[in-house]
Each structure stands twice: as structure tokens, then as C-alpha cells.
Amino acid sequence: MTHFGHVKQSWFHLFSHKAPVHGVFVLIAIYMLLIPFQEFIARGCLQSCFQNFFRGPHHTINAILASNLLFALFHALHPFSFILVAFLLGIFWGWLFERHKSLIGVSVSHILVAAWGFYILDYSKVLVF
């Protein structure tokens, strides 16, 4: 992309194997710090509010599905396959939060899955559609 005559790179270049090592570690650290906040919003706020909003025998399932629909939409800048994976993993994390009533395990799981997907699998090559 060009921007007023200068080449402007996307921040996604930091995920490539050609990225400077210090840049990758800074990005990993920032992302690891943001995951607990992301989980606080998705599970602690949205899912808990939907749990109180929905009524009936399936209010927990509806709360998990509704909060994860919004969670997946936060990833809308990625390919559809990434959004789908985020939705499915979000259902698991919603169940985990409901079962244990704690964001610690959910955040640790999210960090591990993200590290595995970004840096071991190189998700940009795995999720192509």
C-alpha cells in the first residue's frame, strides 16, 4: 500500500518469519497482555450480561452463543475461516468460564491457543479461505 508517496506496511508483517526478532517479541507481549482484557469483555461482561438477560431453560447456552457471536465479529478483519475458528473456540471458552466461574483458566487457554496458532501453525498459511 502506498500512502502519500511512502510505502506503508501492514502490521501483519510482524507475524512473518522475516520479521525482526525484537518486533515479534514485543508483539507477543502486547497480545498476551490484551488477551485477559479481551476475555474480561467477552466472558466477564458480555456473557454474564446475556446470562442475566435471557430467560428459560437454555439461557446459559444462549448467553454463550450471543457473546461469542460478538466475540467472533471483533475478528471481522480476518478471513472467514479465522472468524469461524474464533467463534468455535469462543464457545469452548464460554463453557469453560461458565463451568469454573473464573477468567484465569480461560485467559491462559486463549494465550496458549493464540501462541500455537500464530507462531507454531502460522495461521495465515493454515486458514486460507
C-alpha atoms as a PDB file:
ATOM      1  CA  MET A   1       0.000   0.000   0.000  1.00  0.00           C
ATOM      2  CA  THR A   2       1.161   3.492  -0.651  1.00  0.00           C
ATOM      3  CA  HIS A   3       0.250   6.460   1.431  1.00  0.00           C
ATOM      4  CA  PHE A   4       1.224   9.917   0.100  1.00  0.00           C
ATOM      5  CA  GLY A   5       4.157   8.507  -1.853  1.00  0.00           C
ATOM      6  CA  HIS A   6       5.565   6.424   1.004  1.00  0.00           C
ATOM      7  CA  VAL A   7       5.314   2.668   1.304  1.00  0.00           C
ATOM      8  CA  LYS A   8       3.159   1.769   4.268  1.00  0.00           C
ATOM      9  CA  GLN A   9       3.414  -1.793   5.579  1.00  0.00           C
ATOM     10  CA  SER A  10       0.634  -3.596   7.363  1.00  0.00           C
ATOM     11  CA  TRP A  11       1.342  -4.618  10.938  1.00  0.00           C
ATOM     12  CA  PHE A  12       0.772  -8.226   9.823  1.00  0.00           C
ATOM     13  CA  HIS A  13       4.371  -8.277   8.554  1.00  0.00           C
ATOM     14  CA  LEU A  14       5.407  -8.681  12.209  1.00  0.00           C
ATOM     15  CA  PHE A  15       3.840 -12.154  12.163  1.00  0.00           C
ATOM     16  CA  SER A  16       6.029 -13.365   9.308  1.00  0.00           C
ATOM     17  CA  HIS A  17       9.197 -15.347   9.864  1.00  0.00           C
ATOM     18  CA  LYS A  18      11.177 -12.497   8.263  1.00  0.00           C
ATOM     19  CA  ALA A  19      10.163 -10.034  10.971  1.00  0.00           C
ATOM     20  CA  PRO A  20      12.845  -8.675  13.298  1.00  0.00           C
ATOM     21  CA  VAL A  21      13.047 -10.815  16.414  1.00  0.00           C
ATOM     22  CA  HIS A  22      12.579  -7.907  18.826  1.00  0.00           C
ATOM     23  CA  GLY A  23       9.438  -6.813  16.953  1.00  0.00           C
ATOM     24  CA  VAL A  24       7.915 -10.269  17.241  1.00  0.00           C
ATOM     25  CA  PHE A  25       8.593 -10.463  20.975  1.00  0.00           C
ATOM     26  CA  VAL A  26       7.104  -7.017  21.550  1.00  0.00           C
ATOM     27  CA  LEU A  27       4.012  -8.011  19.595  1.00  0.00           C
ATOM     28  CA  ILE A  28       3.710 -11.282  21.548  1.00  0.00           C
ATOM     29  CA  ALA A  29       3.986  -9.399  24.843  1.00  0.00           C
ATOM     30  CA  ILE A  30       1.353  -6.847  23.830  1.00  0.00           C
ATOM     31  CA  TYR A  31      -1.008  -9.550  22.622  1.00  0.00           C
ATOM     32  CA  MET A  32      -0.530 -11.604  25.804  1.00  0.00           C
ATOM     33  CA  LEU A  33      -1.409  -8.528  27.855  1.00  0.00           C
ATOM     34  CA  LEU A  34      -4.510  -7.853  25.774  1.00  0.00           C
ATOM     35  CA  ILE A  35      -5.955 -11.378  25.966  1.00  0.00           C
ATOM     36  CA  PRO A  36      -7.106 -11.148  29.624  1.00  0.00           C
ATOM     37  CA  PHE A  37      -8.787  -7.825  28.798  1.00  0.00           C
ATOM     38  CA  GLN A  38     -10.424  -9.410  25.739  1.00  0.00           C
ATOM     39  CA  GLU A  39     -11.681 -12.286  27.892  1.00  0.00           C
ATOM     40  CA  PHE A  40     -12.917  -9.881  30.550  1.00  0.00           C
ATOM     41  CA  ILE A  41     -15.042  -8.117  27.914  1.00  0.00           C
ATOM     42  CA  ALA A  42     -16.267 -11.280  26.128  1.00  0.00           C
ATOM     43  CA  ARG A  43     -16.925 -13.546  29.119  1.00  0.00           C
ATOM     44  CA  GLY A  44     -16.934 -11.346  32.199  1.00  0.00           C
ATOM     45  CA  CYS A  45     -19.096  -8.589  30.738  1.00  0.00           C
ATOM     46  CA  LEU A  46     -20.980  -9.801  27.661  1.00  0.00           C
ATOM     47  CA  GLN A  47     -21.624 -13.416  28.619  1.00  0.00           C
ATOM     48  CA  SER A  48     -22.560 -12.504  32.192  1.00  0.00           C
ATOM     49  CA  CYS A  49     -24.947  -9.783  30.988  1.00  0.00           C
ATOM     50  CA  PHE A  50     -26.543 -12.101  28.436  1.00  0.00           C
ATOM     51  CA  GLN A  51     -26.870 -14.749  31.162  1.00  0.00           C
ATOM     52  CA  ASN A  52     -28.984 -12.289  33.155  1.00  0.00           C
ATOM     53  CA  PHE A  53     -30.886 -11.112  30.067  1.00  0.00           C
ATOM     54  CA  PHE A  54     -32.018 -14.468  28.650  1.00  0.00           C
ATOM     55  CA  ARG A  55     -34.677 -16.497  30.432  1.00  0.00           C
ATOM     56  CA  GLY A  56     -35.723 -20.107  30.149  1.00  0.00           C
ATOM     57  CA  PRO A  57     -34.026 -23.481  30.341  1.00  0.00           C
ATOM     58  CA  HIS A  58     -31.386 -22.648  27.711  1.00  0.00           C
ATOM     59  CA  HIS A  59     -30.382 -19.205  28.970  1.00  0.00           C
ATOM     60  CA  THR A  60     -26.767 -20.307  29.552  1.00  0.00           C
ATOM     61  CA  ILE A  61     -26.340 -21.721  26.044  1.00  0.00           C
ATOM     62  CA  ASN A  62     -27.996 -18.642  24.530  1.00  0.00           C
ATOM     63  CA  ALA A  63     -25.682 -16.363  26.539  1.00  0.00           C
ATOM     64  CA  ILE A  64     -22.604 -18.279  25.361  1.00  0.00           C
ATOM     65  CA  LEU A  65     -23.747 -18.197  21.725  1.00  0.00           C
ATOM     66  CA  ALA A  66     -24.698 -14.499  21.774  1.00  0.00           C
ATOM     67  CA  SER A  67     -21.487 -13.366  23.452  1.00  0.00           C
ATOM     68  CA  ASN A  68     -19.399 -15.450  21.061  1.00  0.00           C
ATOM     69  CA  LEU A  69     -21.186 -14.098  18.044  1.00  0.00           C
ATOM     70  CA  LEU A  70     -19.989 -10.654  19.142  1.00  0.00           C
ATOM     71  CA  PHE A  71     -16.549 -12.075  20.026  1.00  0.00           C
ATOM     72  CA  ALA A  72     -16.241 -13.528  16.503  1.00  0.00           C
ATOM     73  CA  LEU A  73     -17.351 -10.238  14.942  1.00  0.00           C
ATOM     74  CA  PHE A  74     -14.469  -8.478  16.704  1.00  0.00           C
ATOM     75  CA  HIS A  75     -12.260 -10.600  14.418  1.00  0.00           C
ATOM     76  CA  ALA A  76     -14.062  -9.480  11.243  1.00  0.00           C
ATOM     77  CA  LEU A  77     -10.909  -8.081   9.631  1.00  0.00           C
ATOM     78  CA  HIS A  78      -9.589 -11.621   9.268  1.00  0.00           C
ATOM     79  CA  PRO A  79     -10.664 -14.281   6.748  1.00  0.00           C
ATOM     80  CA  PHE A  80     -13.996 -16.028   7.324  1.00  0.00           C
ATOM     81  CA  SER A  81     -12.224 -19.210   8.442  1.00  0.00           C
ATOM     82  CA  PHE A  82     -10.500 -17.258  11.219  1.00  0.00           C
ATOM     83  CA  ILE A  83     -13.850 -15.816  12.335  1.00  0.00           C
ATOM     84  CA  LEU A  84     -15.347 -19.321  12.368  1.00  0.00           C
ATOM     85  CA  VAL A  85     -12.457 -20.702  14.431  1.00  0.00           C
ATOM     86  CA  ALA A  86     -12.741 -17.731  16.829  1.00  0.00           C
ATOM     87  CA  PHE A  87     -16.469 -18.434  17.218  1.00  0.00           C
ATOM     88  CA  LEU A  88     -15.953 -22.148  17.897  1.00  0.00           C
ATOM     89  CA  LEU A  89     -13.093 -21.567  20.326  1.00  0.00           C
ATOM     90  CA  GLY A  90     -15.175 -18.851  21.959  1.00  0.00           C
ATOM     91  CA  ILE A  91     -17.935 -21.376  22.618  1.00  0.00           C
ATOM     92  CA  PHE A  92     -15.375 -23.583  24.373  1.00  0.00           C
ATOM     93  CA  TRP A  93     -14.054 -20.628  26.385  1.00  0.00           C
ATOM     94  CA  GLY A  94     -17.622 -19.591  27.233  1.00  0.00           C
ATOM     95  CA  TRP A  95     -18.329 -23.099  28.531  1.00  0.00           C
ATOM     96  CA  LEU A  96     -15.043 -23.071  30.459  1.00  0.00           C
ATOM     97  CA  PHE A  97     -15.933 -19.718  32.035  1.00  0.00           C
ATOM     98  CA  GLU A  98     -19.426 -20.948  32.915  1.00  0.00           C
ATOM     99  CA  ARG A  99     -18.075 -24.124  34.460  1.00  0.00           C
ATOM    100  CA  HIS A 100     -15.276 -22.585  36.548  1.00  0.00           C
ATOM    101  CA  LYS A 101     -16.556 -19.002  37.051  1.00  0.00           C
ATOM    102  CA  SER A 102     -13.015 -17.699  36.563  1.00  0.00           C
ATOM    103  CA  LEU A 103     -11.243 -15.813  33.786  1.00  0.00           C
ATOM    104  CA  ILE A 104      -7.803 -17.158  34.704  1.00  0.00           C
ATOM    105  CA  GLY A 105      -8.142 -20.551  33.022  1.00  0.00           C
ATOM    106  CA  VAL A 106      -9.941 -19.028  30.052  1.00  0.00           C
ATOM    107  CA  SER A 107      -7.200 -16.418  29.579  1.00  0.00           C
ATOM    108  CA  VAL A 108      -4.407 -18.984  29.888  1.00  0.00           C
ATOM    109  CA  SER A 109      -6.150 -21.250  27.375  1.00  0.00           C
ATOM    110  CA  HIS A 110      -6.649 -18.326  24.986  1.00  0.00           C
ATOM    111  CA  ILE A 111      -2.970 -17.357  25.283  1.00  0.00           C
ATOM    112  CA  LEU A 112      -1.824 -20.931  24.603  1.00  0.00           C
ATOM    113  CA  VAL A 113      -4.144 -21.386  21.626  1.00  0.00           C
ATOM    114  CA  ALA A 114      -3.166 -17.994  20.174  1.00  0.00           C
ATOM    115  CA  ALA A 115       0.550 -18.722  20.554  1.00  0.00           C
ATOM    116  CA  TRP A 116       0.086 -22.135  18.962  1.00  0.00           C
ATOM    117  CA  GLY A 117      -1.977 -20.733  16.095  1.00  0.00           C
ATOM    118  CA  PHE A 118       0.118 -17.667  15.338  1.00  0.00           C
ATOM    119  CA  TYR A 119       3.637 -18.846  15.935  1.00  0.00           C
ATOM    120  CA  ILE A 120       3.645 -22.621  15.537  1.00  0.00           C
ATOM    121  CA  LEU A 121       0.993 -23.184  12.860  1.00  0.00           C
ATOM    122  CA  ASP A 122       1.410 -19.768  11.221  1.00  0.00           C
ATOM    123  CA  TYR A 123      -2.343 -19.283  10.964  1.00  0.00           C
ATOM    124  CA  SER A 124      -2.065 -17.108   7.858  1.00  0.00           C
ATOM    125  CA  LYS A 125      -0.944 -20.190   5.900  1.00  0.00           C
ATOM    126  CA  VAL A 126      -3.388 -22.614   7.569  1.00  0.00           C
ATOM    127  CA  LEU A 127      -6.597 -20.549   7.300  1.00  0.00           C
ATOM    128  CA  VAL A 128      -6.781 -19.722   3.626  1.00  0.00           C
ATOM    129  CA  PHE A 129     -10.487 -19.415   2.817  1.00  0.00           C
END
